[in-house]
Amino acid sequence: MKRDLMEILACPVCKGQLQLTVREENAQEIVSGDLYCAKCNEHYPIEDTIPNLLPPQLRAQMK
């Protein structure tokens, strides 16, 4: 995920602001980490450079 995306990303549930936590980053993008919405208290994982912004109930169905 490119850091520039933080300017346009919002929580898919409440449209609130997301906070970024980076676990791994290379020169071009964030490889793994977490997006957190304080308003909803929801976490959205970033895995293999891809943010998973599915609402929590849909993520549970995909497992």
PDB file of N, CA and C in Angstrom:
ATOM      1  N   MET A   1       0.842  -1.165   0.000  1.00  0.00           N
ATOM      2  CA  MET A   1       0.000   0.000   0.000  1.00  0.00           C
ATOM      3  C   MET A   1       0.891   1.234   0.000  1.00  0.00           C
ATOM      4  N   LYS A   2       0.622   2.150  -0.857  1.00  0.00           N
ATOM      5  CA  LYS A   2       1.363   3.416  -0.887  1.00  0.00           C
ATOM      6  C   LYS A   2       0.884   4.317   0.258  1.00  0.00           C
ATOM      7  N   ARG A   3       1.804   5.025   0.874  1.00  0.00           N
ATOM      8  CA  ARG A   3       1.442   5.942   1.970  1.00  0.00           C
ATOM      9  C   ARG A   3       0.459   7.023   1.511  1.00  0.00           C
ATOM     10  N   ASP A   4       0.538   7.407   0.244  1.00  0.00           N
ATOM     11  CA  ASP A   4      -0.361   8.442  -0.284  1.00  0.00           C
ATOM     12  C   ASP A   4      -1.834   8.060  -0.151  1.00  0.00           C
ATOM     13  N   LEU A   5      -2.136   6.768  -0.109  1.00  0.00           N
ATOM     14  CA  LEU A   5      -3.526   6.327   0.013  1.00  0.00           C
ATOM     15  C   LEU A   5      -4.176   6.786   1.311  1.00  0.00           C
ATOM     16  N   MET A   6      -3.386   7.042   2.343  1.00  0.00           N
ATOM     17  CA  MET A   6      -3.940   7.474   3.624  1.00  0.00           C
ATOM     18  C   MET A   6      -4.740   8.762   3.487  1.00  0.00           C
ATOM     19  N   GLU A   7      -4.446   9.550   2.479  1.00  0.00           N
ATOM     20  CA  GLU A   7      -5.165  10.805   2.261  1.00  0.00           C
ATOM     21  C   GLU A   7      -6.607  10.567   1.828  1.00  0.00           C
ATOM     22  N   ILE A   8      -6.883   9.421   1.201  1.00  0.00           N
ATOM     23  CA  ILE A   8      -8.232   9.176   0.674  1.00  0.00           C
ATOM     24  C   ILE A   8      -8.960   8.018   1.343  1.00  0.00           C
ATOM     25  N   LEU A   9      -8.250   7.183   2.100  1.00  0.00           N
ATOM     26  CA  LEU A   9      -8.901   6.046   2.747  1.00  0.00           C
ATOM     27  C   LEU A   9      -9.736   6.488   3.935  1.00  0.00           C
ATOM     28  N   ALA A  10     -10.855   5.785   4.130  1.00  0.00           N
ATOM     29  CA  ALA A  10     -11.727   6.029   5.279  1.00  0.00           C
ATOM     30  C   ALA A  10     -12.274   4.679   5.741  1.00  0.00           C
ATOM     31  N   CYS A  11     -12.743   4.635   6.948  1.00  0.00           N
ATOM     32  CA  CYS A  11     -13.343   3.418   7.488  1.00  0.00           C
ATOM     33  C   CYS A  11     -14.553   3.040   6.630  1.00  0.00           C
ATOM     34  N   PRO A  12     -14.648   1.784   6.196  1.00  0.00           N
ATOM     35  CA  PRO A  12     -15.775   1.380   5.363  1.00  0.00           C
ATOM     36  C   PRO A  12     -17.103   1.321   6.127  1.00  0.00           C
ATOM     37  N   VAL A  13     -17.043   1.276   7.463  1.00  0.00           N
ATOM     38  CA  VAL A  13     -18.259   1.185   8.269  1.00  0.00           C
ATOM     39  C   VAL A  13     -18.823   2.565   8.593  1.00  0.00           C
ATOM     40  N   CYS A  14     -17.973   3.452   9.126  1.00  0.00           N
ATOM     41  CA  CYS A  14     -18.474   4.750   9.600  1.00  0.00           C
ATOM     42  C   CYS A  14     -17.922   5.948   8.834  1.00  0.00           C
ATOM     43  N   LYS A  15     -17.009   5.687   7.903  1.00  0.00           N
ATOM     44  CA  LYS A  15     -16.340   6.737   7.112  1.00  0.00           C
ATOM     45  C   LYS A  15     -15.395   7.588   7.947  1.00  0.00           C
ATOM     46  N   GLY A  16     -15.022   7.088   9.137  1.00  0.00           N
ATOM     47  CA  GLY A  16     -14.099   7.802  10.013  1.00  0.00           C
ATOM     48  C   GLY A  16     -12.663   7.717   9.528  1.00  0.00           C
ATOM     49  N   GLN A  17     -11.811   8.502  10.147  1.00  0.00           N
ATOM     50  CA  GLN A  17     -10.384   8.549   9.805  1.00  0.00           C
ATOM     51  C   GLN A  17      -9.689   7.289  10.302  1.00  0.00           C
ATOM     52  N   LEU A  18      -8.767   6.784   9.508  1.00  0.00           N
ATOM     53  CA  LEU A  18      -8.003   5.596   9.857  1.00  0.00           C
ATOM     54  C   LEU A  18      -6.602   5.974  10.314  1.00  0.00           C
ATOM     55  N   GLN A  19      -6.103   5.239  11.309  1.00  0.00           N
ATOM     56  CA  GLN A  19      -4.751   5.430  11.809  1.00  0.00           C
ATOM     57  C   GLN A  19      -3.893   4.264  11.314  1.00  0.00           C
ATOM     58  N   LEU A  20      -2.711   4.566  10.844  1.00  0.00           N
ATOM     59  CA  LEU A  20      -1.823   3.578  10.252  1.00  0.00           C
ATOM     60  C   LEU A  20      -0.767   3.110  11.243  1.00  0.00           C
ATOM     61  N   THR A  21      -0.589   1.791  11.333  1.00  0.00           N
ATOM     62  CA  THR A  21       0.519   1.175  12.056  1.00  0.00           C
ATOM     63  C   THR A  21       1.274   0.323  11.045  1.00  0.00           C
ATOM     64  N   VAL A  22       2.563   0.573  10.897  1.00  0.00           N
ATOM     65  CA  VAL A  22       3.380  -0.144   9.917  1.00  0.00           C
ATOM     66  C   VAL A  22       4.215  -1.201  10.630  1.00  0.00           C
ATOM     67  N   ARG A  23       4.139  -2.443  10.160  1.00  0.00           N
ATOM     68  CA  ARG A  23       4.988  -3.518  10.661  1.00  0.00           C
ATOM     69  C   ARG A  23       6.183  -3.725   9.743  1.00  0.00           C
ATOM     70  N   GLU A  24       5.960  -3.639   8.423  1.00  0.00           N
ATOM     71  CA  GLU A  24       7.039  -3.817   7.452  1.00  0.00           C
ATOM     72  C   GLU A  24       6.818  -2.862   6.290  1.00  0.00           C
ATOM     73  N   GLU A  25       7.908  -2.242   5.853  1.00  0.00           N
ATOM     74  CA  GLU A  25       7.835  -1.275   4.759  1.00  0.00           C
ATOM     75  C   GLU A  25       9.100  -1.389   3.924  1.00  0.00           C
ATOM     76  N   ASN A  26       8.955  -1.270   2.601  1.00  0.00           N
ATOM     77  CA  ASN A  26      10.136  -1.208   1.747  1.00  0.00           C
ATOM     78  C   ASN A  26      10.232   0.210   1.176  1.00  0.00           C
ATOM     79  N   ALA A  27      11.093   0.441   0.234  1.00  0.00           N
ATOM     80  CA  ALA A  27      11.311   1.791  -0.290  1.00  0.00           C
ATOM     81  C   ALA A  27      10.082   2.366  -0.987  1.00  0.00           C
ATOM     82  N   GLN A  28       9.216   1.514  -1.509  1.00  0.00           N
ATOM     83  CA  GLN A  28       8.074   2.013  -2.278  1.00  0.00           C
ATOM     84  C   GLN A  28       6.737   1.992  -1.544  1.00  0.00           C
ATOM     85  N   GLU A  29       6.528   0.991  -0.658  1.00  0.00           N
ATOM     86  CA  GLU A  29       5.199   0.869  -0.063  1.00  0.00           C
ATOM     87  C   GLU A  29       5.214   0.112   1.253  1.00  0.00           C
ATOM     88  N   ILE A  30       4.066   0.133   1.909  1.00  0.00           N
ATOM     89  CA  ILE A  30       3.869  -0.576   3.162  1.00  0.00           C
ATOM     90  C   ILE A  30       3.536  -2.027   2.816  1.00  0.00           C
ATOM     91  N   VAL A  31       4.312  -2.952   3.335  1.00  0.00           N
ATOM     92  CA  VAL A  31       4.127  -4.370   3.032  1.00  0.00           C
ATOM     93  C   VAL A  31       3.125  -4.993   3.994  1.00  0.00           C
ATOM     94  N   SER A  32       3.236  -4.678   5.281  1.00  0.00           N
ATOM     95  CA  SER A  32       2.284  -5.199   6.255  1.00  0.00           C
ATOM     96  C   SER A  32       2.083  -4.186   7.363  1.00  0.00           C
ATOM     97  N   GLY A  33       0.913  -4.266   7.957  1.00  0.00           N
ATOM     98  CA  GLY A  33       0.570  -3.347   9.021  1.00  0.00           C
ATOM     99  C   GLY A  33      -0.899  -3.424   9.342  1.00  0.00           C
ATOM    100  N   ASP A  34      -1.433  -2.302   9.797  1.00  0.00           N
ATOM    101  CA  ASP A  34      -2.784  -2.281  10.316  1.00  0.00           C
ATOM    102  C   ASP A  34      -3.374  -0.886  10.137  1.00  0.00           C
ATOM    103  N   LEU A  35      -4.634  -0.835   9.767  1.00  0.00           N
ATOM    104  CA  LEU A  35      -5.386   0.417   9.747  1.00  0.00           C
ATOM    105  C   LEU A  35      -6.422   0.319  10.863  1.00  0.00           C
ATOM    106  N   TYR A  36      -6.526   1.360  11.676  1.00  0.00           N
ATOM    107  CA  TYR A  36      -7.408   1.323  12.841  1.00  0.00           C
ATOM    108  C   TYR A  36      -8.371   2.495  12.816  1.00  0.00           C
ATOM    109  N   CYS A  37      -9.637   2.204  13.068  1.00  0.00           N
ATOM    110  CA  CYS A  37     -10.652   3.251  13.199  1.00  0.00           C
ATOM    111  C   CYS A  37     -11.008   3.372  14.678  1.00  0.00           C
ATOM    112  N   ALA A  38     -10.657   4.483  15.293  1.00  0.00           N
ATOM    113  CA  ALA A  38     -10.941   4.701  16.710  1.00  0.00           C
ATOM    114  C   ALA A  38     -12.442   4.856  16.956  1.00  0.00           C
ATOM    115  N   LYS A  39     -13.149   5.389  15.995  1.00  0.00           N
ATOM    116  CA  LYS A  39     -14.594   5.615  16.133  1.00  0.00           C
ATOM    117  C   LYS A  39     -15.351   4.288  16.252  1.00  0.00           C
ATOM    118  N   CYS A  40     -14.971   3.298  15.427  1.00  0.00           N
ATOM    119  CA  CYS A  40     -15.627   1.980  15.420  1.00  0.00           C
ATOM    120  C   CYS A  40     -14.883   0.946  16.251  1.00  0.00           C
ATOM    121  N   ASN A  41     -13.646   1.266  16.627  1.00  0.00           N
ATOM    122  CA  ASN A  41     -12.762   0.317  17.300  1.00  0.00           C
ATOM    123  C   ASN A  41     -12.537  -0.925  16.435  1.00  0.00           C
ATOM    124  N   GLU A  42     -12.328  -0.711  15.144  1.00  0.00           N
ATOM    125  CA  GLU A  42     -12.088  -1.807  14.200  1.00  0.00           C
ATOM    126  C   GLU A  42     -10.686  -1.706  13.614  1.00  0.00           C
ATOM    127  N   HIS A  43     -10.081  -2.861  13.382  1.00  0.00           N
ATOM    128  CA  HIS A  43      -8.768  -2.960  12.757  1.00  0.00           C
ATOM    129  C   HIS A  43      -8.924  -3.581  11.382  1.00  0.00           C
ATOM    130  N   TYR A  44      -8.160  -3.068  10.418  1.00  0.00           N
ATOM    131  CA  TYR A  44      -8.151  -3.577   9.051  1.00  0.00           C
ATOM    132  C   TYR A  44      -6.705  -3.911   8.700  1.00  0.00           C
ATOM    133  N   PRO A  45      -6.436  -5.182   8.394  1.00  0.00           N
ATOM    134  CA  PRO A  45      -5.045  -5.588   8.149  1.00  0.00           C
ATOM    135  C   PRO A  45      -4.525  -5.146   6.783  1.00  0.00           C
ATOM    136  N   ILE A  46      -3.219  -4.934   6.727  1.00  0.00           N
ATOM    137  CA  ILE A  46      -2.505  -4.741   5.461  1.00  0.00           C
ATOM    138  C   ILE A  46      -1.588  -5.950   5.343  1.00  0.00           C
ATOM    139  N   GLU A  47      -1.795  -6.750   4.300  1.00  0.00           N
ATOM    140  CA  GLU A  47      -0.996  -7.954   4.093  1.00  0.00           C
ATOM    141  C   GLU A  47      -0.520  -7.990   2.652  1.00  0.00           C
ATOM    142  N   ASP A  48       0.766  -8.234   2.469  1.00  0.00           N
ATOM    143  CA  ASP A  48       1.360  -8.293   1.121  1.00  0.00           C
ATOM    144  C   ASP A  48       1.030  -7.045   0.312  1.00  0.00           C
ATOM    145  N   THR A  49       1.115  -5.897   0.932  1.00  0.00           N
ATOM    146  CA  THR A  49       0.902  -4.548   0.362  1.00  0.00           C
ATOM    147  C   THR A  49      -0.562  -4.215   0.087  1.00  0.00           C
ATOM    148  N   ILE A  50      -1.505  -5.090   0.468  1.00  0.00           N
ATOM    149  CA  ILE A  50      -2.918  -4.867   0.150  1.00  0.00           C
ATOM    150  C   ILE A  50      -3.724  -4.625   1.426  1.00  0.00           C
ATOM    151  N   PRO A  51      -4.380  -3.447   1.540  1.00  0.00           N
ATOM    152  CA  PRO A  51      -5.245  -3.217   2.693  1.00  0.00           C
ATOM    153  C   PRO A  51      -6.570  -3.956   2.506  1.00  0.00           C
ATOM    154  N   ASN A  52      -6.993  -4.690   3.537  1.00  0.00           N
ATOM    155  CA  ASN A  52      -8.261  -5.400   3.500  1.00  0.00           C
ATOM    156  C   ASN A  52      -9.301  -4.539   4.202  1.00  0.00           C
ATOM    157  N   LEU A  53     -10.087  -3.819   3.419  1.00  0.00           N
ATOM    158  CA  LEU A  53     -11.068  -2.897   3.976  1.00  0.00           C
ATOM    159  C   LEU A  53     -12.486  -3.454   3.935  1.00  0.00           C
ATOM    160  N   LEU A  54     -12.600  -4.775   3.899  1.00  0.00           N
ATOM    161  CA  LEU A  54     -13.923  -5.371   4.004  1.00  0.00           C
ATOM    162  C   LEU A  54     -14.457  -5.117   5.408  1.00  0.00           C
ATOM    163  N   PRO A  55     -15.752  -4.823   5.539  1.00  0.00           N
ATOM    164  CA  PRO A  55     -16.335  -4.696   6.876  1.00  0.00           C
ATOM    165  C   PRO A  55     -16.125  -5.987   7.673  1.00  0.00           C
ATOM    166  N   PRO A  56     -16.032  -5.893   8.991  1.00  0.00           N
ATOM    167  CA  PRO A  56     -15.693  -7.054   9.829  1.00  0.00           C
ATOM    168  C   PRO A  56     -16.572  -8.280   9.585  1.00  0.00           C
ATOM    169  N   GLN A  57     -17.862  -8.109   9.431  1.00  0.00           N
ATOM    170  CA  GLN A  57     -18.740  -9.267   9.244  1.00  0.00           C
ATOM    171  C   GLN A  57     -18.456  -9.978   7.918  1.00  0.00           C
ATOM    172  N   LEU A  58     -18.040  -9.251   6.884  1.00  0.00           N
ATOM    173  CA  LEU A  58     -17.691  -9.886   5.615  1.00  0.00           C
ATOM    174  C   LEU A  58     -16.338 -10.581   5.692  1.00  0.00           C
ATOM    175  N   ARG A  59     -15.394 -10.011   6.433  1.00  0.00           N
ATOM    176  CA  ARG A  59     -14.101 -10.650   6.605  1.00  0.00           C
ATOM    177  C   ARG A  59     -14.255 -11.989   7.317  1.00  0.00           C
ATOM    178  N   ALA A  60     -15.142 -12.062   8.306  1.00  0.00           N
ATOM    179  CA  ALA A  60     -15.382 -13.304   9.043  1.00  0.00           C
ATOM    180  C   ALA A  60     -15.951 -14.376   8.126  1.00  0.00           C
ATOM    181  N   GLN A  61     -16.786 -13.997   7.170  1.00  0.00           N
ATOM    182  CA  GLN A  61     -17.371 -14.952   6.234  1.00  0.00           C
ATOM    183  C   GLN A  61     -16.348 -15.479   5.251  1.00  0.00           C
ATOM    184  N   MET A  62     -15.319 -14.690   4.941  1.00  0.00           N
ATOM    185  CA  MET A  62     -14.319 -15.069   3.959  1.00  0.00           C
ATOM    186  C   MET A  62     -13.311 -16.092   4.509  1.00  0.00           C
ATOM    187  N   LYS A  63     -13.225 -16.238   5.813  1.00  0.00           N
ATOM    188  CA  LYS A  63     -12.237 -17.153   6.413  1.00  0.00           C
ATOM    189  C   LYS A  63     -12.643 -18.584   6.286  1.00  0.00           C
TER     190      LYS A  63
END
